[in-house]
Amino acid sequence: LFKKVANDILIRDFKIFKPQELSNIVWAYATAGEFSPRLSKPLSDHIVQRDFKLFKPQDLSDIVWAYAKLEIPAGFFSRL
């Protein structure tokens, strides 16, 4: 299921997702313990390019928690 959803998300333009929807996606994958580099990398690249002022504090904390929970290697975020 997670791979199928990731495939569907990847064919969409990430700009259509609201900040809360982006945080919900990464939170759901982390809660389930599902790490998909194929989805996580482009999604994180997109998130860091968005204006963080559009994100509520809860959205940002959920995103940071999710990537910490998944124990993403430091080099994964080299574009930050």
C-alpha atoms as a PDB file:
ATOM      1  CA  LEU A   1       0.000   0.000   0.000  1.00  0.00           C
ATOM      2  CA  PHE A   2       2.730   2.478   0.961  1.00  0.00           C
ATOM      3  CA  LYS A   3       4.634   1.879  -2.280  1.00  0.00           C
ATOM      4  CA  LYS A   4       1.477   2.337  -4.328  1.00  0.00           C
ATOM      5  CA  VAL A   5       0.605   5.584  -2.532  1.00  0.00           C
ATOM      6  CA  ALA A   6       4.200   6.808  -2.958  1.00  0.00           C
ATOM      7  CA  ASN A   7       3.970   6.120  -6.699  1.00  0.00           C
ATOM      8  CA  ASP A   8       0.741   8.104  -6.903  1.00  0.00           C
ATOM      9  CA  ILE A   9       2.196  11.028  -4.948  1.00  0.00           C
ATOM     10  CA  LEU A  10       5.308  11.093  -7.141  1.00  0.00           C
ATOM     11  CA  ILE A  11       3.336  11.564 -10.354  1.00  0.00           C
ATOM     12  CA  ARG A  12       1.656  14.670  -8.940  1.00  0.00           C
ATOM     13  CA  ASP A  13       3.004  18.182  -8.781  1.00  0.00           C
ATOM     14  CA  PHE A  14       3.977  18.685  -5.126  1.00  0.00           C
ATOM     15  CA  LYS A  15       2.778  22.291  -5.391  1.00  0.00           C
ATOM     16  CA  ILE A  16      -0.833  21.091  -5.210  1.00  0.00           C
ATOM     17  CA  PHE A  17      -0.303  19.876  -1.651  1.00  0.00           C
ATOM     18  CA  LYS A  18      -1.033  22.231   1.216  1.00  0.00           C
ATOM     19  CA  PRO A  19       1.582  22.397   3.996  1.00  0.00           C
ATOM     20  CA  GLN A  20      -0.549  20.295   6.332  1.00  0.00           C
ATOM     21  CA  GLU A  21      -1.006  17.656   3.639  1.00  0.00           C
ATOM     22  CA  LEU A  22       2.755  17.461   3.149  1.00  0.00           C
ATOM     23  CA  SER A  23       3.314  17.064   6.873  1.00  0.00           C
ATOM     24  CA  ASN A  24       0.562  14.431   7.053  1.00  0.00           C
ATOM     25  CA  ILE A  25       2.277  12.410   4.328  1.00  0.00           C
ATOM     26  CA  VAL A  26       5.691  12.324   6.005  1.00  0.00           C
ATOM     27  CA  TRP A  27       4.088  11.783   9.432  1.00  0.00           C
ATOM     28  CA  ALA A  28       2.098   8.792   8.160  1.00  0.00           C
ATOM     29  CA  TYR A  29       5.144   7.127   6.615  1.00  0.00           C
ATOM     30  CA  ALA A  30       7.177   7.676   9.792  1.00  0.00           C
ATOM     31  CA  THR A  31       4.404   6.431  12.067  1.00  0.00           C
ATOM     32  CA  ALA A  32       4.219   3.244  10.012  1.00  0.00           C
ATOM     33  CA  GLY A  33       8.015   2.937   9.969  1.00  0.00           C
ATOM     34  CA  GLU A  34       8.033   3.068   6.173  1.00  0.00           C
ATOM     35  CA  PHE A  35      11.040   4.792   4.640  1.00  0.00           C
ATOM     36  CA  SER A  36      10.878   5.350   0.908  1.00  0.00           C
ATOM     37  CA  PRO A  37      13.976   7.193  -0.389  1.00  0.00           C
ATOM     38  CA  ARG A  38      12.217   7.423  -3.737  1.00  0.00           C
ATOM     39  CA  LEU A  39       9.490   9.536  -2.107  1.00  0.00           C
ATOM     40  CA  SER A  40      11.290  11.051   0.882  1.00  0.00           C
ATOM     41  CA  LYS A  41      14.080  12.773  -1.039  1.00  0.00           C
ATOM     42  CA  PRO A  42      11.955  14.646  -3.621  1.00  0.00           C
ATOM     43  CA  LEU A  43       9.371  15.426  -0.967  1.00  0.00           C
ATOM     44  CA  SER A  44      11.957  16.847   1.446  1.00  0.00           C
ATOM     45  CA  ASP A  45      13.559  18.817  -1.397  1.00  0.00           C
ATOM     46  CA  HIS A  46      10.165  20.326  -2.167  1.00  0.00           C
ATOM     47  CA  ILE A  47       9.362  21.084   1.474  1.00  0.00           C
ATOM     48  CA  VAL A  48      12.594  23.022   2.038  1.00  0.00           C
ATOM     49  CA  GLN A  49      11.885  25.113  -1.067  1.00  0.00           C
ATOM     50  CA  ARG A  50       8.450  26.139   0.216  1.00  0.00           C
ATOM     51  CA  ASP A  51       7.968  29.295   2.250  1.00  0.00           C
ATOM     52  CA  PHE A  52       7.978  28.056   5.851  1.00  0.00           C
ATOM     53  CA  LYS A  53       5.721  30.963   6.792  1.00  0.00           C
ATOM     54  CA  LEU A  54       2.903  29.017   5.127  1.00  0.00           C
ATOM     55  CA  PHE A  55       3.387  26.115   7.538  1.00  0.00           C
ATOM     56  CA  LYS A  56       1.767  26.071  10.946  1.00  0.00           C
ATOM     57  CA  PRO A  57       4.106  25.232  13.829  1.00  0.00           C
ATOM     58  CA  GLN A  58       2.416  21.822  14.137  1.00  0.00           C
ATOM     59  CA  ASP A  59       3.130  21.079  10.449  1.00  0.00           C
ATOM     60  CA  LEU A  60       6.821  21.845  10.886  1.00  0.00           C
ATOM     61  CA  SER A  61       7.133  19.878  14.110  1.00  0.00           C
ATOM     62  CA  ASP A  62       5.419  16.866  12.506  1.00  0.00           C
ATOM     63  CA  ILE A  63       7.806  16.998   9.551  1.00  0.00           C
ATOM     64  CA  VAL A  64      10.901  17.246  11.747  1.00  0.00           C
ATOM     65  CA  TRP A  65       9.602  14.480  14.019  1.00  0.00           C
ATOM     66  CA  ALA A  66       8.879  12.232  11.045  1.00  0.00           C
ATOM     67  CA  TYR A  67      12.348  12.508   9.539  1.00  0.00           C
ATOM     68  CA  ALA A  68      13.938  12.051  12.983  1.00  0.00           C
ATOM     69  CA  LYS A  69      11.756   8.994  13.646  1.00  0.00           C
ATOM     70  CA  LEU A  70      12.838   7.463  10.351  1.00  0.00           C
ATOM     71  CA  GLU A  71      16.481   8.091  11.356  1.00  0.00           C
ATOM     72  CA  ILE A  72      17.292   9.675   8.027  1.00  0.00           C
ATOM     73  CA  PRO A  73      21.091   9.886   7.525  1.00  0.00           C
ATOM     74  CA  ALA A  74      22.553  13.409   7.769  1.00  0.00           C
ATOM     75  CA  GLY A  75      23.761  13.339   4.147  1.00  0.00           C
ATOM     76  CA  PHE A  76      20.198  12.809   2.961  1.00  0.00           C
ATOM     77  CA  PHE A  77      19.503  16.534   3.460  1.00  0.00           C
ATOM     78  CA  SER A  78      22.633  17.805   1.718  1.00  0.00           C
ATOM     79  CA  ARG A  79      20.614  20.415  -0.228  1.00  0.00           C
ATOM     80  CA  LEU A  80      19.465  22.211   2.947  1.00  0.00           C
END
